[in-house]
Amino acid sequence: MSAHIAFMAPIGTIIAWSDGAPRPSERHRRKLFAWQSNNSNGRLIRKQGELGSGSIILPASFTLHEADQGAAGVITIRVHRTFSLETRLTFTIEERPAIGSCRVFDRAGDNAELVHLAANRRAAEEWLSRHGYPHAVLEVVTADEVAADVVEGRAAA
């Protein structure tokens, strides 16, 4: 599927991307590393519409949280990948957020970024009490949102 369909997916969806190339064998480490860069998955955490300033126009984009790096329960690096809607990679939806799960955004508004997806609102509030996001916004995934995906043709992916 194209990047446009991935852009339309609900925040919190796990999306895989691929360049269509076959996976190289484990013994070709450099080729495998390059392949993994263009073939992975992540959770949709942010969408940004088209931006323009003067004669420069940046196409709409979306950001996926690919991985966390760290040790002993301490995250030191978060790996995020941002894709333009003009990318040639293909995207597939692997998993949508469950009905009743609760998204935790770092702030309100169009530039909000998903920082956590909890199983329910109570779990989100408990998580939020242990992490420092003073302007956090909670949003519960509703059945209406899932139904909208079906009506708009995004549930078949």
N, C-alpha and C. Protein backbone atom coordinates (compact mmCIF):
# COMPACT_ATOMS: atom_id res chain seq x y z
N MET A 1 0.83 -1.17 0.00
CA MET A 1 0.00 0.00 0.00
C MET A 1 0.88 1.23 0.00
N SER A 2 0.36 2.31 -0.44
CA SER A 2 1.15 3.53 -0.54
C SER A 2 1.25 4.23 0.81
N ALA A 3 2.11 5.20 0.88
CA ALA A 3 2.29 5.97 2.09
C ALA A 3 1.02 6.75 2.45
N HIS A 4 0.18 7.05 1.45
CA HIS A 4 -1.06 7.78 1.72
C HIS A 4 -1.99 6.99 2.63
N ILE A 5 -2.08 5.69 2.41
CA ILE A 5 -2.93 4.85 3.26
C ILE A 5 -2.35 4.78 4.67
N ALA A 6 -1.03 4.67 4.78
CA ALA A 6 -0.39 4.65 6.09
C ALA A 6 -0.64 5.97 6.82
N PHE A 7 -0.62 7.08 6.09
CA PHE A 7 -0.87 8.40 6.67
C PHE A 7 -2.29 8.49 7.22
N MET A 8 -3.22 7.79 6.60
CA MET A 8 -4.62 7.83 7.03
C MET A 8 -4.91 6.89 8.21
N ALA A 9 -3.99 6.01 8.57
CA ALA A 9 -4.19 5.07 9.67
C ALA A 9 -4.28 5.83 10.99
N PRO A 10 -4.98 5.27 11.97
CA PRO A 10 -5.07 5.94 13.27
C PRO A 10 -3.73 5.94 14.01
N ILE A 11 -3.50 6.99 14.78
CA ILE A 11 -2.29 7.07 15.59
C ILE A 11 -2.26 5.85 16.53
N GLY A 12 -1.10 5.23 16.65
CA GLY A 12 -0.95 4.05 17.47
C GLY A 12 -0.90 2.77 16.66
N THR A 13 -1.17 2.86 15.37
CA THR A 13 -1.14 1.69 14.49
C THR A 13 0.30 1.25 14.26
N ILE A 14 0.53 -0.05 14.23
CA ILE A 14 1.85 -0.57 13.88
C ILE A 14 1.88 -0.78 12.36
N ILE A 15 2.85 -0.14 11.72
CA ILE A 15 2.97 -0.13 10.26
C ILE A 15 4.33 -0.67 9.87
N ALA A 16 4.34 -1.56 8.88
CA ALA A 16 5.59 -2.09 8.34
C ALA A 16 5.89 -1.40 7.02
N TRP A 17 7.17 -1.23 6.71
CA TRP A 17 7.55 -0.65 5.43
C TRP A 17 8.57 -1.56 4.75
N SER A 18 8.59 -1.48 3.42
CA SER A 18 9.48 -2.35 2.65
C SER A 18 9.84 -1.68 1.33
N ASP A 19 11.03 -2.03 0.84
CA ASP A 19 11.43 -1.58 -0.49
C ASP A 19 11.21 -2.68 -1.53
N GLY A 20 10.72 -3.84 -1.07
CA GLY A 20 10.43 -4.94 -1.97
C GLY A 20 11.60 -5.86 -2.28
N ALA A 21 12.78 -5.51 -1.80
CA ALA A 21 13.97 -6.33 -2.07
C ALA A 21 13.96 -7.57 -1.19
N PRO A 22 14.48 -8.70 -1.69
CA PRO A 22 14.56 -9.90 -0.85
C PRO A 22 15.60 -9.73 0.25
N ARG A 23 15.37 -10.38 1.38
CA ARG A 23 16.29 -10.29 2.51
C ARG A 23 17.60 -11.02 2.17
N PRO A 24 18.74 -10.34 2.34
CA PRO A 24 20.02 -11.01 2.09
C PRO A 24 20.35 -11.98 3.23
N SER A 25 21.26 -12.88 2.98
CA SER A 25 21.63 -13.87 4.00
C SER A 25 22.38 -13.18 5.14
N GLU A 26 22.41 -13.85 6.28
CA GLU A 26 23.04 -13.31 7.49
C GLU A 26 24.54 -13.06 7.31
N ARG A 27 25.18 -13.81 6.42
CA ARG A 27 26.63 -13.65 6.26
C ARG A 27 27.01 -12.36 5.54
N HIS A 28 26.08 -11.73 4.85
CA HIS A 28 26.34 -10.45 4.18
C HIS A 28 25.87 -9.33 5.11
N ARG A 29 26.66 -9.02 6.12
CA ARG A 29 26.25 -8.10 7.17
C ARG A 29 25.94 -6.69 6.67
N ARG A 30 26.76 -6.15 5.81
CA ARG A 30 26.50 -4.79 5.31
C ARG A 30 25.23 -4.73 4.49
N LYS A 31 25.05 -5.72 3.62
CA LYS A 31 23.83 -5.77 2.81
C LYS A 31 22.60 -5.96 3.69
N LEU A 32 22.72 -6.79 4.72
CA LEU A 32 21.61 -7.04 5.63
C LEU A 32 21.26 -5.77 6.40
N PHE A 33 22.28 -5.05 6.86
CA PHE A 33 22.04 -3.80 7.59
C PHE A 33 21.32 -2.79 6.69
N ALA A 34 21.76 -2.65 5.45
CA ALA A 34 21.11 -1.73 4.51
C ALA A 34 19.68 -2.17 4.23
N TRP A 35 19.46 -3.48 4.10
CA TRP A 35 18.12 -4.00 3.85
C TRP A 35 17.20 -3.69 5.04
N GLN A 36 17.70 -3.88 6.26
CA GLN A 36 16.90 -3.63 7.45
C GLN A 36 16.50 -2.17 7.58
N SER A 37 17.31 -1.28 7.04
CA SER A 37 16.98 0.14 7.06
C SER A 37 15.74 0.44 6.22
N ASN A 38 15.54 -0.32 5.16
CA ASN A 38 14.39 -0.10 4.26
C ASN A 38 13.28 -1.13 4.44
N ASN A 39 13.40 -2.00 5.43
CA ASN A 39 12.41 -3.05 5.66
C ASN A 39 12.27 -3.29 7.16
N SER A 40 11.32 -2.64 7.78
CA SER A 40 11.14 -2.76 9.22
C SER A 40 9.70 -2.42 9.57
N ASN A 41 9.45 -2.12 10.85
CA ASN A 41 8.13 -1.68 11.25
C ASN A 41 8.24 -0.75 12.45
N GLY A 42 7.13 -0.06 12.74
CA GLY A 42 7.11 0.86 13.86
C GLY A 42 5.69 1.32 14.14
N ARG A 43 5.52 1.98 15.28
CA ARG A 43 4.21 2.47 15.68
C ARG A 43 4.04 3.92 15.21
N LEU A 44 2.91 4.21 14.59
CA LEU A 44 2.61 5.55 14.11
C LEU A 44 2.42 6.48 15.30
N ILE A 45 3.28 7.50 15.42
CA ILE A 45 3.21 8.39 16.57
C ILE A 45 2.88 9.84 16.21
N ARG A 46 3.01 10.18 14.92
CA ARG A 46 2.77 11.58 14.56
C ARG A 46 2.46 11.70 13.08
N LYS A 47 1.57 12.63 12.76
CA LYS A 47 1.28 12.98 11.37
C LYS A 47 1.45 14.48 11.23
N GLN A 48 2.01 14.89 10.12
CA GLN A 48 2.20 16.32 9.88
C GLN A 48 1.76 16.64 8.47
N GLY A 49 0.89 17.61 8.33
CA GLY A 49 0.41 18.02 7.02
C GLY A 49 1.49 18.74 6.24
N GLU A 50 1.15 19.08 5.00
CA GLU A 50 2.08 19.78 4.13
C GLU A 50 2.46 21.13 4.74
N LEU A 51 3.75 21.47 4.67
CA LEU A 51 4.25 22.73 5.19
C LEU A 51 4.82 23.56 4.05
N GLY A 52 4.60 24.85 4.10
CA GLY A 52 5.14 25.72 3.07
C GLY A 52 5.66 27.01 3.66
N SER A 53 6.75 27.48 3.08
CA SER A 53 7.33 28.75 3.47
C SER A 53 7.97 29.37 2.24
N GLY A 54 7.37 30.42 1.74
CA GLY A 54 7.88 31.04 0.52
C GLY A 54 7.70 30.10 -0.65
N SER A 55 8.78 29.83 -1.37
CA SER A 55 8.69 28.95 -2.53
C SER A 55 8.99 27.49 -2.18
N ILE A 56 9.26 27.21 -0.90
CA ILE A 56 9.58 25.85 -0.48
C ILE A 56 8.33 25.19 0.11
N ILE A 57 8.01 24.02 -0.41
CA ILE A 57 6.87 23.26 0.10
C ILE A 57 7.35 21.88 0.50
N LEU A 58 7.11 21.52 1.75
CA LEU A 58 7.46 20.19 2.24
C LEU A 58 6.19 19.34 2.23
N PRO A 59 6.24 18.16 1.63
CA PRO A 59 5.04 17.32 1.57
C PRO A 59 4.65 16.80 2.95
N ALA A 60 3.41 16.37 3.06
CA ALA A 60 2.93 15.78 4.30
C ALA A 60 3.82 14.58 4.67
N SER A 61 3.91 14.30 5.97
CA SER A 61 4.76 13.21 6.43
C SER A 61 4.16 12.57 7.67
N PHE A 62 4.71 11.43 8.03
CA PHE A 62 4.31 10.75 9.26
C PHE A 62 5.54 10.14 9.90
N THR A 63 5.48 9.99 11.22
CA THR A 63 6.62 9.48 11.98
C THR A 63 6.25 8.19 12.67
N LEU A 64 7.15 7.21 12.56
CA LEU A 64 6.98 5.91 13.22
C LEU A 64 8.04 5.75 14.29
N HIS A 65 7.65 5.21 15.43
CA HIS A 65 8.60 4.87 16.49
C HIS A 65 9.07 3.45 16.21
N GLU A 66 10.33 3.32 15.84
CA GLU A 66 10.87 2.02 15.42
C GLU A 66 11.41 1.19 16.58
N ALA A 67 12.14 1.81 17.50
CA ALA A 67 12.76 1.04 18.57
C ALA A 67 13.22 1.96 19.70
N ASP A 68 13.51 1.34 20.84
CA ASP A 68 14.14 2.00 21.98
C ASP A 68 15.44 1.28 22.25
N GLN A 69 16.49 2.04 22.56
CA GLN A 69 17.79 1.47 22.90
C GLN A 69 18.13 1.87 24.33
N GLY A 70 18.66 0.95 25.08
CA GLY A 70 19.04 1.24 26.46
C GLY A 70 19.33 -0.03 27.20
N ALA A 71 19.46 0.09 28.52
CA ALA A 71 19.75 -1.08 29.36
C ALA A 71 19.17 -0.86 30.75
N ALA A 72 18.91 -1.95 31.44
CA ALA A 72 18.42 -1.93 32.83
C ALA A 72 17.15 -1.09 32.97
N GLY A 73 16.28 -1.15 31.97
CA GLY A 73 15.01 -0.44 32.04
C GLY A 73 15.11 1.06 31.77
N VAL A 74 16.28 1.54 31.38
CA VAL A 74 16.47 2.96 31.09
C VAL A 74 16.65 3.14 29.59
N ILE A 75 15.74 3.90 28.99
CA ILE A 75 15.83 4.16 27.55
C ILE A 75 16.76 5.35 27.33
N THR A 76 17.80 5.13 26.53
CA THR A 76 18.75 6.20 26.26
C THR A 76 18.58 6.78 24.87
N ILE A 77 18.08 5.98 23.93
CA ILE A 77 17.88 6.45 22.56
C ILE A 77 16.55 5.92 22.04
N ARG A 78 15.75 6.79 21.46
CA ARG A 78 14.52 6.39 20.79
C ARG A 78 14.76 6.54 19.29
N VAL A 79 14.43 5.51 18.55
CA VAL A 79 14.63 5.53 17.11
C VAL A 79 13.29 5.84 16.44
N HIS A 80 13.22 7.01 15.82
CA HIS A 80 12.03 7.43 15.08
C HIS A 80 12.39 7.54 13.61
N ARG A 81 11.46 7.17 12.74
CA ARG A 81 11.65 7.30 11.29
C ARG A 81 10.51 8.14 10.74
N THR A 82 10.85 9.18 10.00
CA THR A 82 9.85 10.04 9.38
C THR A 82 9.86 9.80 7.88
N PHE A 83 8.65 9.61 7.33
CA PHE A 83 8.50 9.31 5.91
C PHE A 83 7.64 10.37 5.24
N SER A 84 8.04 10.80 4.08
CA SER A 84 7.25 11.70 3.26
C SER A 84 6.19 10.88 2.54
N LEU A 85 5.09 11.52 2.18
CA LEU A 85 4.07 10.82 1.41
C LEU A 85 4.56 10.53 -0.01
N GLU A 86 5.67 11.10 -0.40
CA GLU A 86 6.21 10.88 -1.72
C GLU A 86 7.23 9.73 -1.77
N THR A 87 7.42 9.02 -0.67
CA THR A 87 8.39 7.92 -0.64
C THR A 87 7.95 6.80 -1.58
N ARG A 88 8.93 6.05 -2.05
CA ARG A 88 8.64 4.91 -2.94
C ARG A 88 8.49 3.60 -2.16
N LEU A 89 8.71 3.63 -0.86
CA LEU A 89 8.54 2.44 -0.05
C LEU A 89 7.06 2.04 0.00
N THR A 90 6.81 0.77 0.26
CA THR A 90 5.42 0.31 0.42
C THR A 90 5.16 0.07 1.91
N PHE A 91 3.93 0.30 2.32
CA PHE A 91 3.56 0.22 3.72
C PHE A 91 2.39 -0.74 3.90
N THR A 92 2.40 -1.48 5.00
CA THR A 92 1.28 -2.35 5.34
C THR A 92 0.94 -2.14 6.81
N ILE A 93 -0.33 -2.21 7.10
CA ILE A 93 -0.79 -2.09 8.48
C ILE A 93 -0.72 -3.47 9.12
N GLU A 94 0.03 -3.57 10.20
CA GLU A 94 0.18 -4.85 10.91
C GLU A 94 -0.80 -4.98 12.07
N GLU A 95 -1.05 -3.88 12.75
CA GLU A 95 -1.92 -3.93 13.92
C GLU A 95 -2.48 -2.55 14.22
N ARG A 96 -3.78 -2.48 14.43
CA ARG A 96 -4.42 -1.23 14.83
C ARG A 96 -4.56 -1.21 16.36
N PRO A 97 -4.67 -0.02 16.95
CA PRO A 97 -4.88 0.02 18.39
C PRO A 97 -6.24 -0.60 18.74
N ALA A 98 -6.28 -1.34 19.83
CA ALA A 98 -7.51 -2.03 20.24
C ALA A 98 -8.54 -1.02 20.75
N ILE A 99 -9.80 -1.36 20.55
CA ILE A 99 -10.88 -0.53 21.08
C ILE A 99 -10.75 -0.51 22.61
N GLY A 100 -10.83 0.68 23.19
CA GLY A 100 -10.69 0.84 24.63
C GLY A 100 -9.29 1.16 25.08
N SER A 101 -8.29 0.96 24.20
CA SER A 101 -6.93 1.34 24.59
C SER A 101 -6.87 2.87 24.64
N CYS A 102 -5.86 3.38 25.31
CA CYS A 102 -5.78 4.83 25.54
C CYS A 102 -4.44 5.36 25.06
N ARG A 103 -4.50 6.37 24.21
CA ARG A 103 -3.29 7.02 23.71
C ARG A 103 -2.89 8.13 24.68
N VAL A 104 -1.59 8.26 24.90
CA VAL A 104 -1.07 9.36 25.70
C VAL A 104 -0.24 10.23 24.76
N PHE A 105 -0.68 11.47 24.55
CA PHE A 105 0.04 12.43 23.70
C PHE A 105 0.82 13.38 24.59
N ASP A 106 1.94 13.88 24.08
CA ASP A 106 2.78 14.78 24.88
C ASP A 106 2.16 16.16 25.06
N ARG A 107 1.24 16.54 24.17
CA ARG A 107 0.59 17.85 24.25
C ARG A 107 -0.66 17.82 23.38
N ALA A 108 -1.47 18.84 23.51
CA ALA A 108 -2.67 18.95 22.68
C ALA A 108 -2.30 19.59 21.35
N GLY A 109 -3.17 19.44 20.36
CA GLY A 109 -2.98 20.13 19.10
C GLY A 109 -2.49 19.25 17.97
N ASP A 110 -2.29 19.90 16.82
CA ASP A 110 -1.90 19.18 15.60
C ASP A 110 -0.49 18.60 15.66
N ASN A 111 0.39 19.20 16.45
CA ASN A 111 1.77 18.72 16.52
C ASN A 111 1.99 17.73 17.66
N ALA A 112 0.91 17.21 18.24
CA ALA A 112 1.04 16.25 19.34
C ALA A 112 1.71 14.97 18.85
N GLU A 113 2.44 14.35 19.75
CA GLU A 113 3.15 13.11 19.44
C GLU A 113 2.77 12.05 20.46
N LEU A 114 2.48 10.85 19.98
CA LEU A 114 2.14 9.75 20.87
C LEU A 114 3.38 9.34 21.66
N VAL A 115 3.25 9.31 23.00
CA VAL A 115 4.38 8.88 23.82
C VAL A 115 4.13 7.53 24.47
N HIS A 116 2.85 7.10 24.51
CA HIS A 116 2.54 5.80 25.11
C HIS A 116 1.16 5.36 24.64
N LEU A 117 1.00 4.06 24.46
CA LEU A 117 -0.30 3.47 24.16
C LEU A 117 -0.59 2.45 25.25
N ALA A 118 -1.58 2.76 26.10
CA ALA A 118 -1.92 1.91 27.25
C ALA A 118 -3.12 1.04 26.92
N ALA A 119 -3.29 -0.02 27.67
CA ALA A 119 -4.40 -0.95 27.45
C ALA A 119 -5.75 -0.31 27.74
N ASN A 120 -5.79 0.65 28.68
CA ASN A 120 -7.03 1.36 29.01
C ASN A 120 -6.69 2.69 29.66
N ARG A 121 -7.73 3.47 29.96
CA ARG A 121 -7.50 4.80 30.52
C ARG A 121 -6.83 4.73 31.90
N ARG A 122 -7.24 3.78 32.71
CA ARG A 122 -6.65 3.65 34.04
C ARG A 122 -5.14 3.37 33.94
N ALA A 123 -4.76 2.47 33.05
CA ALA A 123 -3.34 2.16 32.85
C ALA A 123 -2.59 3.38 32.32
N ALA A 124 -3.23 4.16 31.47
CA ALA A 124 -2.60 5.38 30.94
C ALA A 124 -2.37 6.40 32.05
N GLU A 125 -3.35 6.57 32.92
CA GLU A 125 -3.20 7.51 34.03
C GLU A 125 -2.11 7.05 34.99
N GLU A 126 -2.02 5.74 35.22
CA GLU A 126 -0.98 5.20 36.09
C GLU A 126 0.40 5.41 35.46
N TRP A 127 0.52 5.16 34.14
CA TRP A 127 1.78 5.38 33.43
C TRP A 127 2.17 6.85 33.50
N LEU A 128 1.19 7.71 33.31
CA LEU A 128 1.43 9.15 33.29
C LEU A 128 1.89 9.65 34.67
N SER A 129 1.44 9.01 35.72
CA SER A 129 1.85 9.43 37.07
C SER A 129 3.34 9.15 37.31
N ARG A 130 3.92 8.22 36.56
CA ARG A 130 5.34 7.86 36.73
C ARG A 130 6.25 8.55 35.72
N HIS A 131 5.68 9.26 34.73
CA HIS A 131 6.49 9.91 33.69
C HIS A 131 6.15 11.39 33.62
N GLY A 132 7.11 12.19 33.26
CA GLY A 132 6.96 13.64 33.31
C GLY A 132 6.44 14.28 32.03
N TYR A 133 5.14 14.28 31.85
CA TYR A 133 4.52 14.97 30.72
C TYR A 133 3.43 15.89 31.28
N PRO A 134 3.82 17.12 31.67
CA PRO A 134 2.86 18.00 32.34
C PRO A 134 1.69 18.44 31.46
N HIS A 135 1.85 18.41 30.15
CA HIS A 135 0.78 18.86 29.25
C HIS A 135 0.17 17.70 28.48
N ALA A 136 0.29 16.51 29.03
CA ALA A 136 -0.19 15.31 28.35
C ALA A 136 -1.70 15.34 28.13
N VAL A 137 -2.11 14.67 27.05
CA VAL A 137 -3.52 14.55 26.70
C VAL A 137 -3.81 13.06 26.51
N LEU A 138 -4.91 12.60 27.10
CA LEU A 138 -5.32 11.20 26.97
C LEU A 138 -6.47 11.12 25.96
N GLU A 139 -6.44 10.08 25.12
CA GLU A 139 -7.48 9.87 24.11
C GLU A 139 -7.76 8.37 24.01
N VAL A 140 -9.02 8.00 24.27
CA VAL A 140 -9.40 6.59 24.22
C VAL A 140 -9.77 6.22 22.80
N VAL A 141 -9.34 5.04 22.34
CA VAL A 141 -9.69 4.53 21.02
C VAL A 141 -11.13 4.03 21.09
N THR A 142 -11.97 4.54 20.21
CA THR A 142 -13.40 4.20 20.24
C THR A 142 -13.78 3.25 19.11
N ALA A 143 -14.92 2.61 19.28
CA ALA A 143 -15.44 1.72 18.24
C ALA A 143 -15.78 2.52 16.99
N ASP A 144 -16.18 3.78 17.15
CA ASP A 144 -16.50 4.63 15.99
C ASP A 144 -15.28 4.84 15.11
N GLU A 145 -14.12 4.98 15.72
CA GLU A 145 -12.88 5.17 14.96
C GLU A 145 -12.56 3.93 14.13
N VAL A 146 -12.73 2.75 14.73
CA VAL A 146 -12.48 1.50 14.02
C VAL A 146 -13.50 1.33 12.90
N ALA A 147 -14.77 1.68 13.17
CA ALA A 147 -15.82 1.59 12.16
C ALA A 147 -15.53 2.53 10.99
N ALA A 148 -14.97 3.70 11.27
CA ALA A 148 -14.64 4.65 10.20
C ALA A 148 -13.59 4.06 9.27
N ASP A 149 -12.63 3.30 9.82
CA ASP A 149 -11.64 2.62 8.98
C ASP A 149 -12.30 1.65 8.03
N VAL A 150 -13.29 0.93 8.52
CA VAL A 150 -14.00 -0.05 7.68
C VAL A 150 -14.77 0.65 6.59
N VAL A 151 -15.49 1.70 6.95
CA VAL A 151 -16.31 2.44 5.97
C VAL A 151 -15.42 3.10 4.92
N GLU A 152 -14.28 3.62 5.33
CA GLU A 152 -13.39 4.32 4.40
C GLU A 152 -12.45 3.38 3.68
N GLY A 153 -12.55 2.07 3.93
CA GLY A 153 -11.78 1.10 3.17
C GLY A 153 -10.37 0.87 3.67
N ARG A 154 -10.05 1.27 4.90
CA ARG A 154 -8.71 1.09 5.41
C ARG A 154 -8.56 -0.16 6.26
N ALA A 155 -9.65 -0.88 6.52
CA ALA A 155 -9.58 -2.03 7.40
C ALA A 155 -9.11 -3.29 6.70
N ALA A 156 -9.07 -3.30 5.39
CA ALA A 156 -8.70 -4.52 4.65
C ALA A 156 -7.21 -4.77 4.66
N ALA A 157 -6.41 -3.79 5.03
CA ALA A 157 -4.96 -3.94 4.98
C ALA A 157 -4.45 -4.90 6.00
